[in-house]
Amino acid sequence: MSTLGEPWLIRHATYYASPEATTTELLNDATEWLQYARNTVALFGELIEDAGEVDESRLAVALQGVSALIELGTQCAMQAHAQLQWQQADATEELHKD
């Protein structure tokens, strides 16, 4: 049974960047998403160690949420990479025009 529609949210996590976002802004966003994921996993580790027993279904949903954060960070980094590729192609084209 899903709680608050987590499975839908997790399957549909998508990063939408502003068309005006710079490569640096995209990479900063990617870093932020990945830090959220890292800190969440670290917190899970502490809580599990302290609790001794874990509700497997809640843990599974939480880990899927971490997966969504990692996916958002990855999408953001991929957009930054694509932007760099376009910038390099434009620069190369400009060099060949002269």
PDB file of N, CA and C in Angstrom:
ATOM      1  N   MET A   1       0.841  -1.179   0.000  1.00  0.00           N
ATOM      2  CA  MET A   1       0.000   0.000   0.000  1.00  0.00           C
ATOM      3  C   MET A   1       0.883   1.237   0.000  1.00  0.00           C
ATOM      4  N   SER A   2       0.567   2.188  -0.845  1.00  0.00           N
ATOM      5  CA  SER A   2       1.387   3.395  -0.907  1.00  0.00           C
ATOM      6  C   SER A   2       0.901   4.416   0.112  1.00  0.00           C
ATOM      7  N   THR A   3       1.841   5.123   0.672  1.00  0.00           N
ATOM      8  CA  THR A   3       1.543   6.184   1.610  1.00  0.00           C
ATOM      9  C   THR A   3       1.797   7.503   0.905  1.00  0.00           C
ATOM     10  N   LEU A   4       0.767   8.317   0.793  1.00  0.00           N
ATOM     11  CA  LEU A   4       0.878   9.648   0.183  1.00  0.00           C
ATOM     12  C   LEU A   4       1.429   9.619  -1.244  1.00  0.00           C
ATOM     13  N   GLY A   5       1.237   8.537  -1.947  1.00  0.00           N
ATOM     14  CA  GLY A   5       1.628   8.457  -3.351  1.00  0.00           C
ATOM     15  C   GLY A   5       3.118   8.425  -3.617  1.00  0.00           C
ATOM     16  N   GLU A   6       3.920   7.931  -2.662  1.00  0.00           N
ATOM     17  CA  GLU A   6       5.367   7.912  -2.866  1.00  0.00           C
ATOM     18  C   GLU A   6       5.793   7.202  -4.141  1.00  0.00           C
ATOM     19  N   PRO A   7       5.242   6.022  -4.452  1.00  0.00           N
ATOM     20  CA  PRO A   7       5.714   5.352  -5.675  1.00  0.00           C
ATOM     21  C   PRO A   7       5.556   6.217  -6.921  1.00  0.00           C
ATOM     22  N   TRP A   8       4.463   6.936  -7.037  1.00  0.00           N
ATOM     23  CA  TRP A   8       4.267   7.798  -8.207  1.00  0.00           C
ATOM     24  C   TRP A   8       5.324   8.904  -8.211  1.00  0.00           C
ATOM     25  N   LEU A   9       5.520   9.538  -7.076  1.00  0.00           N
ATOM     26  CA  LEU A   9       6.504  10.619  -6.985  1.00  0.00           C
ATOM     27  C   LEU A   9       7.900  10.139  -7.349  1.00  0.00           C
ATOM     28  N   ILE A  10       8.247   8.981  -6.849  1.00  0.00           N
ATOM     29  CA  ILE A  10       9.588   8.449  -7.075  1.00  0.00           C
ATOM     30  C   ILE A  10       9.798   8.120  -8.548  1.00  0.00           C
ATOM     31  N   ARG A  11       8.792   7.542  -9.188  1.00  0.00           N
ATOM     32  CA  ARG A  11       8.918   7.178 -10.608  1.00  0.00           C
ATOM     33  C   ARG A  11       8.916   8.393 -11.520  1.00  0.00           C
ATOM     34  N   HIS A  12       8.378   9.511 -11.056  1.00  0.00           N
ATOM     35  CA  HIS A  12       8.229  10.688 -11.909  1.00  0.00           C
ATOM     36  C   HIS A  12       9.103  11.860 -11.478  1.00  0.00           C
ATOM     37  N   ALA A  13      10.147  11.608 -10.722  1.00  0.00           N
ATOM     38  CA  ALA A  13      11.061  12.677 -10.304  1.00  0.00           C
ATOM     39  C   ALA A  13      11.838  13.151 -11.527  1.00  0.00           C
ATOM     40  N   THR A  14      11.687  14.412 -11.851  1.00  0.00           N
ATOM     41  CA  THR A  14      12.355  14.984 -13.019  1.00  0.00           C
ATOM     42  C   THR A  14      12.879  16.360 -12.663  1.00  0.00           C
ATOM     43  N   TYR A  15      14.071  16.648 -13.107  1.00  0.00           N
ATOM     44  CA  TYR A  15      14.688  17.952 -12.867  1.00  0.00           C
ATOM     45  C   TYR A  15      14.387  18.856 -14.053  1.00  0.00           C
ATOM     46  N   TYR A  16      13.743  19.972 -13.794  1.00  0.00           N
ATOM     47  CA  TYR A  16      13.456  20.958 -14.832  1.00  0.00           C
ATOM     48  C   TYR A  16      14.304  22.196 -14.570  1.00  0.00           C
ATOM     49  N   ALA A  17      15.236  22.456 -15.461  1.00  0.00           N
ATOM     50  CA  ALA A  17      16.120  23.606 -15.307  1.00  0.00           C
ATOM     51  C   ALA A  17      15.597  24.765 -16.142  1.00  0.00           C
ATOM     52  N   SER A  18      15.873  25.934 -15.675  1.00  0.00           N
ATOM     53  CA  SER A  18      15.566  27.126 -16.457  1.00  0.00           C
ATOM     54  C   SER A  18      16.413  27.104 -17.725  1.00  0.00           C
ATOM     55  N   PRO A  19      15.843  27.483 -18.857  1.00  0.00           N
ATOM     56  CA  PRO A  19      16.644  27.520 -20.090  1.00  0.00           C
ATOM     57  C   PRO A  19      17.823  28.498 -19.985  1.00  0.00           C
ATOM     58  N   GLU A  20      17.725  29.451 -19.069  1.00  0.00           N
ATOM     59  CA  GLU A  20      18.797  30.431 -18.891  1.00  0.00           C
ATOM     60  C   GLU A  20      19.842  29.990 -17.873  1.00  0.00           C
ATOM     61  N   ALA A  21      19.669  28.805 -17.282  1.00  0.00           N
ATOM     62  CA  ALA A  21      20.610  28.330 -16.251  1.00  0.00           C
ATOM     63  C   ALA A  21      21.996  28.133 -16.861  1.00  0.00           C
ATOM     64  N   THR A  22      22.989  28.608 -16.133  1.00  0.00           N
ATOM     65  CA  THR A  22      24.367  28.432 -16.589  1.00  0.00           C
ATOM     66  C   THR A  22      24.864  27.041 -16.189  1.00  0.00           C
ATOM     67  N   THR A  23      25.972  26.651 -16.776  1.00  0.00           N
ATOM     68  CA  THR A  23      26.572  25.360 -16.433  1.00  0.00           C
ATOM     69  C   THR A  23      26.909  25.314 -14.948  1.00  0.00           C
ATOM     70  N   THR A  24      27.439  26.397 -14.430  1.00  0.00           N
ATOM     71  CA  THR A  24      27.786  26.461 -13.006  1.00  0.00           C
ATOM     72  C   THR A  24      26.541  26.300 -12.141  1.00  0.00           C
ATOM     73  N   GLU A  25      25.456  26.951 -12.503  1.00  0.00           N
ATOM     74  CA  GLU A  25      24.216  26.815 -11.729  1.00  0.00           C
ATOM     75  C   GLU A  25      23.693  25.380 -11.768  1.00  0.00           C
ATOM     76  N   LEU A  26      23.770  24.743 -12.935  1.00  0.00           N
ATOM     77  CA  LEU A  26      23.334  23.351 -13.046  1.00  0.00           C
ATOM     78  C   LEU A  26      24.190  22.432 -12.187  1.00  0.00           C
ATOM     79  N   LEU A  27      25.501  22.642 -12.216  1.00  0.00           N
ATOM     80  CA  LEU A  27      26.387  21.812 -11.403  1.00  0.00           C
ATOM     81  C   LEU A  27      26.177  22.073  -9.913  1.00  0.00           C
ATOM     82  N   ASN A  28      25.901  23.309  -9.534  1.00  0.00           N
ATOM     83  CA  ASN A  28      25.595  23.614  -8.138  1.00  0.00           C
ATOM     84  C   ASN A  28      24.326  22.899  -7.696  1.00  0.00           C
ATOM     85  N   ASP A  29      23.299  22.896  -8.572  1.00  0.00           N
ATOM     86  CA  ASP A  29      22.064  22.189  -8.251  1.00  0.00           C
ATOM     87  C   ASP A  29      22.317  20.692  -8.115  1.00  0.00           C
ATOM     88  N   ALA A  30      23.106  20.129  -9.029  1.00  0.00           N
ATOM     89  CA  ALA A  30      23.421  18.692  -8.961  1.00  0.00           C
ATOM     90  C   ALA A  30      24.107  18.367  -7.644  1.00  0.00           C
ATOM     91  N   THR A  31      25.054  19.192  -7.262  1.00  0.00           N
ATOM     92  CA  THR A  31      25.761  18.984  -5.999  1.00  0.00           C
ATOM     93  C   THR A  31      24.798  19.036  -4.821  1.00  0.00           C
ATOM     94  N   GLU A  32      23.867  19.965  -4.862  1.00  0.00           N
ATOM     95  CA  GLU A  32      22.899  20.102  -3.778  1.00  0.00           C
ATOM     96  C   GLU A  32      22.006  18.857  -3.672  1.00  0.00           C
ATOM     97  N   TRP A  33      21.480  18.375  -4.802  1.00  0.00           N
ATOM     98  CA  TRP A  33      20.649  17.161  -4.780  1.00  0.00           C
ATOM     99  C   TRP A  33      21.428  15.972  -4.239  1.00  0.00           C
ATOM    100  N   LEU A  34      22.672  15.832  -4.674  1.00  0.00           N
ATOM    101  CA  LEU A  34      23.471  14.689  -4.231  1.00  0.00           C
ATOM    102  C   LEU A  34      23.844  14.817  -2.757  1.00  0.00           C
ATOM    103  N   GLN A  35      24.037  16.023  -2.263  1.00  0.00           N
ATOM    104  CA  GLN A  35      24.290  16.216  -0.830  1.00  0.00           C
ATOM    105  C   GLN A  35      23.063  15.859  -0.005  1.00  0.00           C
ATOM    106  N   TYR A  36      21.856  16.211  -0.511  1.00  0.00           N
ATOM    107  CA  TYR A  36      20.624  15.798   0.176  1.00  0.00           C
ATOM    108  C   TYR A  36      20.592  14.277   0.313  1.00  0.00           C
ATOM    109  N   ALA A  37      20.905  13.601  -0.779  1.00  0.00           N
ATOM    110  CA  ALA A  37      20.887  12.134  -0.770  1.00  0.00           C
ATOM    111  C   ALA A  37      21.914  11.585   0.206  1.00  0.00           C
ATOM    112  N   ARG A  38      23.139  12.113   0.164  1.00  0.00           N
ATOM    113  CA  ARG A  38      24.201  11.633   1.046  1.00  0.00           C
ATOM    114  C   ARG A  38      23.829  11.833   2.510  1.00  0.00           C
ATOM    115  N   ASN A  39      23.334  13.011   2.840  1.00  0.00           N
ATOM    116  CA  ASN A  39      22.974  13.292   4.231  1.00  0.00           C
ATOM    117  C   ASN A  39      21.799  12.433   4.697  1.00  0.00           C
ATOM    118  N   THR A  40      20.863  12.159   3.798  1.00  0.00           N
ATOM    119  CA  THR A  40      19.727  11.313   4.144  1.00  0.00           C
ATOM    120  C   THR A  40      20.193   9.892   4.444  1.00  0.00           C
ATOM    121  N   VAL A  41      21.076   9.359   3.625  1.00  0.00           N
ATOM    122  CA  VAL A  41      21.598   8.014   3.857  1.00  0.00           C
ATOM    123  C   VAL A  41      22.384   7.965   5.167  1.00  0.00           C
ATOM    124  N   ALA A  42      23.159   8.996   5.446  1.00  0.00           N
ATOM    125  CA  ALA A  42      23.909   9.040   6.709  1.00  0.00           C
ATOM    126  C   ALA A  42      22.944   9.039   7.902  1.00  0.00           C
ATOM    127  N   LEU A  43      21.863   9.804   7.796  1.00  0.00           N
ATOM    128  CA  LEU A  43      20.865   9.835   8.865  1.00  0.00           C
ATOM    129  C   LEU A  43      20.210   8.465   9.031  1.00  0.00           C
ATOM    130  N   PHE A  44      19.871   7.811   7.915  1.00  0.00           N
ATOM    131  CA  PHE A  44      19.291   6.465   7.999  1.00  0.00           C
ATOM    132  C   PHE A  44      20.227   5.531   8.745  1.00  0.00           C
ATOM    133  N   GLY A  45      21.501   5.603   8.431  1.00  0.00           N
ATOM    134  CA  GLY A  45      22.477   4.749   9.102  1.00  0.00           C
ATOM    135  C   GLY A  45      22.464   4.956  10.603  1.00  0.00           C
ATOM    136  N   GLU A  46      22.436   6.209  11.025  1.00  0.00           N
ATOM    137  CA  GLU A  46      22.410   6.511  12.456  1.00  0.00           C
ATOM    138  C   GLU A  46      21.123   6.018  13.106  1.00  0.00           C
ATOM    139  N   LEU A  47      19.995   6.266  12.442  1.00  0.00           N
ATOM    140  CA  LEU A  47      18.704   5.868  13.017  1.00  0.00           C
ATOM    141  C   LEU A  47      18.574   4.356  13.123  1.00  0.00           C
ATOM    142  N   ILE A  48      19.024   3.647  12.102  1.00  0.00           N
ATOM    143  CA  ILE A  48      18.945   2.187  12.116  1.00  0.00           C
ATOM    144  C   ILE A  48      19.839   1.620  13.211  1.00  0.00           C
ATOM    145  N   GLU A  49      21.026   2.199  13.351  1.00  0.00           N
ATOM    146  CA  GLU A  49      21.945   1.734  14.397  1.00  0.00           C
ATOM    147  C   GLU A  49      21.340   1.944  15.780  1.00  0.00           C
ATOM    148  N   ASP A  50      20.705   3.094  15.988  1.00  0.00           N
ATOM    149  CA  ASP A  50      20.110   3.395  17.289  1.00  0.00           C
ATOM    150  C   ASP A  50      18.834   2.596  17.551  1.00  0.00           C
ATOM    151  N   ALA A  51      18.026   2.376  16.526  1.00  0.00           N
ATOM    152  CA  ALA A  51      16.728   1.725  16.708  1.00  0.00           C
ATOM    153  C   ALA A  51      16.851   0.226  16.913  1.00  0.00           C
ATOM    154  N   GLY A  52      17.806  -0.390  16.249  1.00  0.00           N
ATOM    155  CA  GLY A  52      17.951  -1.833  16.383  1.00  0.00           C
ATOM    156  C   GLY A  52      17.023  -2.616  15.476  1.00  0.00           C
ATOM    157  N   GLU A  53      15.794  -2.176  15.314  1.00  0.00           N
ATOM    158  CA  GLU A  53      14.881  -2.830  14.380  1.00  0.00           C
ATOM    159  C   GLU A  53      14.275  -1.772  13.475  1.00  0.00           C
ATOM    160  N   VAL A  54      13.908  -2.211  12.286  1.00  0.00           N
ATOM    161  CA  VAL A  54      13.487  -1.270  11.259  1.00  0.00           C
ATOM    162  C   VAL A  54      12.190  -1.745  10.626  1.00  0.00           C
ATOM    163  N   ASP A  55      11.304  -0.800  10.333  1.00  0.00           N
ATOM    164  CA  ASP A  55      10.095  -1.097   9.560  1.00  0.00           C
ATOM    165  C   ASP A  55      10.518  -1.154   8.093  1.00  0.00           C
ATOM    166  N   GLU A  56      10.559  -2.369   7.545  1.00  0.00           N
ATOM    167  CA  GLU A  56      11.101  -2.576   6.197  1.00  0.00           C
ATOM    168  C   GLU A  56      10.352  -1.775   5.135  1.00  0.00           C
ATOM    169  N   SER A  57       9.038  -1.670   5.241  1.00  0.00           N
ATOM    170  CA  SER A  57       8.279  -0.957   4.214  1.00  0.00           C
ATOM    171  C   SER A  57       8.591   0.538   4.239  1.00  0.00           C
ATOM    172  N   ARG A  58       8.724   1.098   5.434  1.00  0.00           N
ATOM    173  CA  ARG A  58       9.069   2.523   5.531  1.00  0.00           C
ATOM    174  C   ARG A  58      10.498   2.766   5.052  1.00  0.00           C
ATOM    175  N   LEU A  59      11.398   1.848   5.374  1.00  0.00           N
ATOM    176  CA  LEU A  59      12.778   1.973   4.921  1.00  0.00           C
ATOM    177  C   LEU A  59      12.850   1.880   3.395  1.00  0.00           C
ATOM    178  N   ALA A  60      12.065   0.976   2.818  1.00  0.00           N
ATOM    179  CA  ALA A  60      12.059   0.829   1.364  1.00  0.00           C
ATOM    180  C   ALA A  60      11.598   2.119   0.689  1.00  0.00           C
ATOM    181  N   VAL A  61      10.554   2.740   1.215  1.00  0.00           N
ATOM    182  CA  VAL A  61      10.060   4.000   0.647  1.00  0.00           C
ATOM    183  C   VAL A  61      11.116   5.090   0.808  1.00  0.00           C
ATOM    184  N   ALA A  62      11.749   5.134   1.970  1.00  0.00           N
ATOM    185  CA  ALA A  62      12.782   6.147   2.213  1.00  0.00           C
ATOM    186  C   ALA A  62      13.955   5.969   1.254  1.00  0.00           C
ATOM    187  N   LEU A  63      14.375   4.727   1.028  1.00  0.00           N
ATOM    188  CA  LEU A  63      15.487   4.472   0.107  1.00  0.00           C
ATOM    189  C   LEU A  63      15.107   4.802  -1.330  1.00  0.00           C
ATOM    190  N   GLN A  64      13.850   4.573  -1.688  1.00  0.00           N
ATOM    191  CA  GLN A  64      13.389   4.971  -3.015  1.00  0.00           C
ATOM    192  C   GLN A  64      13.416   6.495  -3.153  1.00  0.00           C
ATOM    193  N   GLY A  65      13.121   7.184  -2.056  1.00  0.00           N
ATOM    194  CA  GLY A  65      13.217   8.647  -2.061  1.00  0.00           C
ATOM    195  C   GLY A  65      14.652   9.108  -2.281  1.00  0.00           C
ATOM    196  N   VAL A  66      15.597   8.432  -1.643  1.00  0.00           N
ATOM    197  CA  VAL A  66      17.017   8.742  -1.851  1.00  0.00           C
ATOM    198  C   VAL A  66      17.384   8.492  -3.311  1.00  0.00           C
ATOM    199  N   SER A  67      16.872   7.411  -3.856  1.00  0.00           N
ATOM    200  CA  SER A  67      17.108   7.108  -5.270  1.00  0.00           C
ATOM    201  C   SER A  67      16.597   8.245  -6.156  1.00  0.00           C
ATOM    202  N   ALA A  68      15.444   8.804  -5.812  1.00  0.00           N
ATOM    203  CA  ALA A  68      14.895   9.928  -6.582  1.00  0.00           C
ATOM    204  C   ALA A  68      15.806  11.155  -6.480  1.00  0.00           C
ATOM    205  N   LEU A  69      16.347  11.419  -5.282  1.00  0.00           N
ATOM    206  CA  LEU A  69      17.277  12.544  -5.122  1.00  0.00           C
ATOM    207  C   LEU A  69      18.521  12.345  -5.985  1.00  0.00           C
ATOM    208  N   ILE A  70      19.031  11.120  -6.004  1.00  0.00           N
ATOM    209  CA  ILE A  70      20.207  10.822  -6.826  1.00  0.00           C
ATOM    210  C   ILE A  70      19.862  10.983  -8.303  1.00  0.00           C
ATOM    211  N   GLU A  71      18.669  10.554  -8.700  1.00  0.00           N
ATOM    212  CA  GLU A  71      18.233  10.711 -10.090  1.00  0.00           C
ATOM    213  C   GLU A  71      18.156  12.189 -10.477  1.00  0.00           C
ATOM    214  N   LEU A  72      17.626  13.028  -9.587  1.00  0.00           N
ATOM    215  CA  LEU A  72      17.552  14.465  -9.860  1.00  0.00           C
ATOM    216  C   LEU A  72      18.951  15.053 -10.019  1.00  0.00           C
ATOM    217  N   GLY A  73      19.856  14.670  -9.143  1.00  0.00           N
ATOM    218  CA  GLY A  73      21.235  15.154  -9.250  1.00  0.00           C
ATOM    219  C   GLY A  73      21.889  14.699 -10.537  1.00  0.00           C
ATOM    220  N   THR A  74      21.631  13.458 -10.927  1.00  0.00           N
ATOM    221  CA  THR A  74      22.198  12.925 -12.162  1.00  0.00           C
ATOM    222  C   THR A  74      21.642  13.653 -13.379  1.00  0.00           C
ATOM    223  N   GLN A  75      20.339  13.873 -13.407  1.00  0.00           N
ATOM    224  CA  GLN A  75      19.723  14.599 -14.522  1.00  0.00           C
ATOM    225  C   GLN A  75      20.309  16.003 -14.643  1.00  0.00           C
ATOM    226  N   CYS A  76      20.493  16.644 -13.507  1.00  0.00           N
ATOM    227  CA  CYS A  76      21.045  17.993 -13.496  1.00  0.00           C
ATOM    228  C   CYS A  76      22.477  18.004 -14.024  1.00  0.00           C
ATOM    229  N   ALA A  77      23.277  17.058 -13.570  1.00  0.00           N
ATOM    230  CA  ALA A  77      24.663  16.968 -14.049  1.00  0.00           C
ATOM    231  C   ALA A  77      24.701  16.657 -15.545  1.00  0.00           C
ATOM    232  N   MET A  78      23.787  15.826 -16.022  1.00  0.00           N
ATOM    233  CA  MET A  78      23.747  15.502 -17.452  1.00  0.00           C
ATOM    234  C   MET A  78      23.384  16.739 -18.274  1.00  0.00           C
ATOM    235  N   GLN A  79      22.479  17.571 -17.763  1.00  0.00           N
ATOM    236  CA  GLN A  79      22.135  18.808 -18.471  1.00  0.00           C
ATOM    237  C   GLN A  79      23.329  19.748 -18.522  1.00  0.00           C
ATOM    238  N   ALA A  80      24.072  19.818 -17.431  1.00  0.00           N
ATOM    239  CA  ALA A  80      25.276  20.657 -17.413  1.00  0.00           C
ATOM    240  C   ALA A  80      26.290  20.135 -18.426  1.00  0.00           C
ATOM    241  N   HIS A  81      26.451  18.825 -18.499  1.00  0.00           N
ATOM    242  CA  HIS A  81      27.388  18.228 -19.452  1.00  0.00           C
ATOM    243  C   HIS A  81      26.960  18.531 -20.883  1.00  0.00           C
ATOM    244  N   ALA A  82      25.684  18.382 -21.159  1.00  0.00           N
ATOM    245  CA  ALA A  82      25.180  18.685 -22.505  1.00  0.00           C
ATOM    246  C   ALA A  82      25.410  20.152 -22.849  1.00  0.00           C
ATOM    247  N   GLN A  83      25.193  21.017 -21.878  1.00  0.00           N
ATOM    248  CA  GLN A  83      25.419  22.447 -22.114  1.00  0.00           C
ATOM    249  C   GLN A  83      26.885  22.722 -22.434  1.00  0.00           C
ATOM    250  N   LEU A  84      27.794  22.064 -21.721  1.00  0.00           N
ATOM    251  CA  LEU A  84      29.221  22.222 -22.009  1.00  0.00           C
ATOM    252  C   LEU A  84      29.559  21.737 -23.409  1.00  0.00           C
ATOM    253  N   GLN A  85      28.952  20.634 -23.824  1.00  0.00           N
ATOM    254  CA  GLN A  85      29.196  20.107 -25.167  1.00  0.00           C
ATOM    255  C   GLN A  85      28.736  21.097 -26.231  1.00  0.00           C
ATOM    256  N   TRP A  86      27.572  21.709 -26.028  1.00  0.00           N
ATOM    257  CA  TRP A  86      27.079  22.714 -26.982  1.00  0.00           C
ATOM    258  C   TRP A  86      28.006  23.926 -27.013  1.00  0.00           C
ATOM    259  N   GLN A  87      28.462  24.344 -25.855  1.00  0.00           N
ATOM    260  CA  GLN A  87      29.366  25.499 -25.799  1.00  0.00           C
ATOM    261  C   GLN A  87      30.662  25.194 -26.535  1.00  0.00           C
ATOM    262  N   GLN A  88      31.198  23.992 -26.364  1.00  0.00           N
ATOM    263  CA  GLN A  88      32.425  23.611 -27.064  1.00  0.00           C
ATOM    264  C   GLN A  88      32.190  23.540 -28.571  1.00  0.00           C
ATOM    265  N   ALA A  89      31.053  23.012 -28.976  1.00  0.00           N
ATOM    266  CA  ALA A  89      30.739  22.935 -30.408  1.00  0.00           C
ATOM    267  C   ALA A  89      30.609  24.322 -31.004  1.00  0.00           C
ATOM    268  N   ASP A  90      29.961  25.231 -30.274  1.00  0.00           N
ATOM    269  CA  ASP A  90      29.826  26.617 -30.753  1.00  0.00           C
ATOM    270  C   ASP A  90      31.193  27.285 -30.874  1.00  0.00           C
ATOM    271  N   ALA A  91      32.056  27.061 -29.879  1.00  0.00           N
ATOM    272  CA  ALA A  91      33.393  27.662 -29.902  1.00  0.00           C
ATOM    273  C   ALA A  91      34.205  27.123 -31.072  1.00  0.00           C
ATOM    274  N   THR A  92      34.107  25.829 -31.311  1.00  0.00           N
ATOM    275  CA  THR A  92      34.828  25.213 -32.427  1.00  0.00           C
ATOM    276  C   THR A  92      34.319  25.757 -33.744  1.00  0.00           C
ATOM    277  N   GLU A  93      33.012  25.920 -33.856  1.00  0.00           N
ATOM    278  CA  GLU A  93      32.424  26.457 -35.084  1.00  0.00           C
ATOM    279  C   GLU A  93      32.882  27.883 -35.331  1.00  0.00           C
ATOM    280  N   GLU A  94      32.966  28.665 -34.284  1.00  0.00           N
ATOM    281  CA  GLU A  94      33.438  30.056 -34.405  1.00  0.00           C
ATOM    282  C   GLU A  94      34.879  30.102 -34.877  1.00  0.00           C
ATOM    283  N   LEU A  95      35.726  29.184 -34.375  1.00  0.00           N
ATOM    284  CA  LEU A  95      37.128  29.131 -34.793  1.00  0.00           C
ATOM    285  C   LEU A  95      37.253  28.812 -36.286  1.00  0.00           C
ATOM    286  N   HIS A  96      36.410  27.937 -36.771  1.00  0.00           N
ATOM    287  CA  HIS A  96      36.475  27.515 -38.163  1.00  0.00           C
ATOM    288  C   HIS A  96      35.894  28.543 -39.121  1.00  0.00           C
ATOM    289  N   LYS A  97      35.099  29.467 -38.606  1.00  0.00           N
ATOM    290  CA  LYS A  97      34.540  30.531 -39.455  1.00  0.00           C
ATOM    291  C   LYS A  97      35.618  31.517 -39.881  1.00  0.00           C
ATOM    292  N   ASP A  98      36.563  31.719 -39.003  1.00  0.00           N
ATOM    293  CA  ASP A  98      37.602  32.742 -39.279  1.00  0.00           C
ATOM    294  C   ASP A  98      38.600  32.244 -40.234  1.00  0.00           C
TER     295      ASP A  98
END
